[in-house]
Amino acid sequence: MYGLDDARATLAALRPRLNDLIVVRADLAELRADLARAGTSRLGGLAEVKGLEARLYADLELLAEQGAQIKGYAPLLLDFPGELDDEPVLWCWLEGDPEITWYHRLDCGFAGRRPVPVG
C-alpha cells in the first residue's frame, strides 16, 4: 500500500527503467514490422526480436516486483495501490504524465480516473 508521496517516489526511482522500456517497446514494434514487411531490418532479425522481448518482459517483471500493477504497456499504464480518505484507491500513472496526478477507485478502472485533490 502506497501513500501518494511514496508512489510518486517509487515512480521517480523507476523512471530510467520506464524510459528504457519505452525504447525497447518501440524497437521491438519496428523490428517486427520490418521483418513482416520486408524480411529484414536495420535493427536485426529473429535473434534480436527474442532479445528485445526478453528485455521487455524483464522490465515488466521488475515493475511488478516494485508493487506497480501493470494495466497496459502500449501506452504504459501503471497503478499503485493506496488509500485516499480511508478509501482504497489506485494511484494511476499513464505514459506521458510527468508524475502521478490521477487516481481511481478499485472498482472503476481507468474510466473512473480523477485528478488527485490538491492540498
Protein backbone atom coordinates (compact mmCIF):
# COMPACT_ATOMS: atom_id res chain seq x y z
CA MET A 1 0.00 0.00 0.00
CA TYR A 2 1.43 3.34 -1.08
CA GLY A 3 0.84 6.81 0.18
CA LEU A 4 0.78 9.30 -2.68
CA ASP A 5 4.27 10.59 -1.85
CA ASP A 6 5.62 7.02 -1.72
CA ALA A 7 4.00 6.14 -5.03
CA ARG A 8 5.48 9.27 -6.61
CA ALA A 9 8.93 8.47 -5.19
CA THR A 10 8.74 4.90 -6.47
CA LEU A 11 7.73 6.14 -9.91
CA ALA A 12 10.60 8.64 -9.93
CA ALA A 13 13.07 5.89 -8.99
CA LEU A 14 11.70 3.69 -11.77
CA ARG A 15 11.75 6.46 -14.40
CA PRO A 16 15.06 5.42 -16.05
CA ARG A 17 13.74 1.85 -16.40
CA LEU A 18 10.44 3.15 -17.77
CA ASN A 19 12.27 5.22 -20.36
CA ASP A 20 14.32 2.17 -21.38
CA LEU A 21 11.18 0.04 -21.58
CA ILE A 22 9.55 2.57 -23.92
CA VAL A 23 12.59 2.49 -26.23
CA VAL A 24 12.72 -1.32 -26.20
CA ARG A 25 8.97 -1.48 -26.92
CA ALA A 26 9.38 0.88 -29.91
CA ASP A 27 12.41 -1.01 -31.24
CA LEU A 28 10.54 -4.29 -30.94
CA ALA A 29 7.49 -2.93 -32.77
CA GLU A 30 9.66 -1.50 -35.57
CA LEU A 31 11.70 -4.69 -35.87
CA ARG A 32 8.60 -6.89 -36.06
CA ALA A 33 7.01 -4.60 -38.67
CA ASP A 34 10.16 -4.56 -40.79
CA LEU A 35 10.54 -8.34 -40.66
CA ALA A 36 6.87 -8.88 -41.53
CA ARG A 37 7.05 -6.43 -44.43
CA ALA A 38 10.50 -6.99 -45.89
CA GLY A 39 12.05 -9.93 -44.04
CA THR A 40 14.92 -7.69 -42.95
CA SER A 41 15.53 -4.75 -40.63
CA ARG A 42 18.29 -2.37 -39.68
CA LEU A 43 17.55 -3.47 -36.10
CA GLY A 44 18.39 -7.12 -36.74
CA GLY A 45 16.49 -10.34 -37.13
CA LEU A 46 14.74 -13.03 -35.13
CA ALA A 47 17.51 -13.22 -32.50
CA GLU A 48 17.10 -9.50 -31.81
CA VAL A 49 13.31 -9.93 -31.58
CA LYS A 50 13.81 -12.59 -28.90
CA GLY A 51 16.34 -10.42 -27.06
CA LEU A 52 14.05 -7.38 -27.06
CA GLU A 53 11.11 -9.49 -25.91
CA ALA A 54 13.20 -10.82 -23.03
CA ARG A 55 14.22 -7.28 -22.02
CA LEU A 56 10.63 -6.06 -22.23
CA TYR A 57 9.31 -8.89 -20.04
CA ALA A 58 12.18 -8.45 -17.54
CA ASP A 59 11.35 -4.75 -17.21
CA LEU A 60 7.64 -5.51 -16.74
CA GLU A 61 8.51 -8.08 -14.06
CA LEU A 62 10.69 -5.52 -12.27
CA LEU A 63 7.81 -3.04 -12.21
CA ALA A 64 5.53 -5.68 -10.70
CA GLU A 65 8.18 -6.55 -8.10
CA GLN A 66 8.21 -2.87 -7.09
CA GLY A 67 4.48 -3.03 -6.39
CA ALA A 68 3.21 -1.46 -9.60
CA GLN A 69 0.19 -3.02 -11.24
CA ILE A 70 0.76 -3.04 -14.99
CA LYS A 71 -2.52 -2.25 -16.71
CA GLY A 72 -1.04 -1.73 -20.16
CA TYR A 73 2.31 -1.40 -21.88
CA ALA A 74 1.39 0.45 -25.09
CA PRO A 75 0.89 3.03 -23.76
CA LEU A 76 2.44 2.16 -20.42
CA LEU A 77 -0.18 2.38 -17.68
CA LEU A 78 0.72 1.70 -14.03
CA ASP A 79 -1.36 1.67 -10.88
CA PHE A 80 -0.05 1.75 -7.31
CA PRO A 81 -2.41 0.56 -4.55
CA GLY A 82 -3.09 3.19 -1.90
CA GLU A 83 -5.68 4.96 0.18
CA LEU A 84 -7.38 8.32 -0.09
CA ASP A 85 -9.67 9.47 2.72
CA ASP A 86 -9.61 5.95 4.20
CA GLU A 87 -10.88 4.54 0.90
CA PRO A 88 -8.77 2.08 -1.16
CA VAL A 89 -7.67 3.62 -4.46
CA LEU A 90 -5.14 3.08 -7.18
CA TRP A 91 -2.69 5.91 -7.85
CA CYS A 92 -2.65 5.98 -11.63
CA TRP A 93 0.21 6.90 -13.98
CA LEU A 94 -0.07 6.94 -17.76
CA GLU A 95 2.92 7.20 -20.06
CA GLY A 96 3.46 10.89 -20.77
CA ASP A 97 2.26 12.06 -17.34
CA PRO A 98 5.04 13.98 -15.55
CA GLU A 99 4.14 12.28 -12.24
CA ILE A 100 1.18 10.64 -10.54
CA THR A 101 -1.63 13.17 -10.70
CA TRP A 102 -4.59 10.78 -11.05
CA TYR A 103 -6.30 8.10 -9.01
CA HIS A 104 -9.35 5.89 -9.30
CA ARG A 105 -11.38 3.58 -7.12
CA LEU A 106 -10.56 -0.10 -7.30
CA ASP A 107 -13.87 -0.93 -8.94
CA CYS A 108 -13.88 1.86 -11.54
CA GLY A 109 -10.71 1.38 -13.55
CA PHE A 110 -9.29 3.89 -16.00
CA ALA A 111 -12.73 5.30 -16.85
CA GLY A 112 -13.08 6.37 -13.21
CA ARG A 113 -9.82 8.36 -13.10
CA ARG A 114 -9.96 11.61 -11.20
CA PRO A 115 -7.31 14.25 -10.54
CA VAL A 116 -5.57 13.88 -7.20
CA PRO A 117 -7.04 16.51 -4.87
CA VAL A 118 -4.77 19.49 -4.29
CA GLY A 119 -3.75 20.12 -0.68
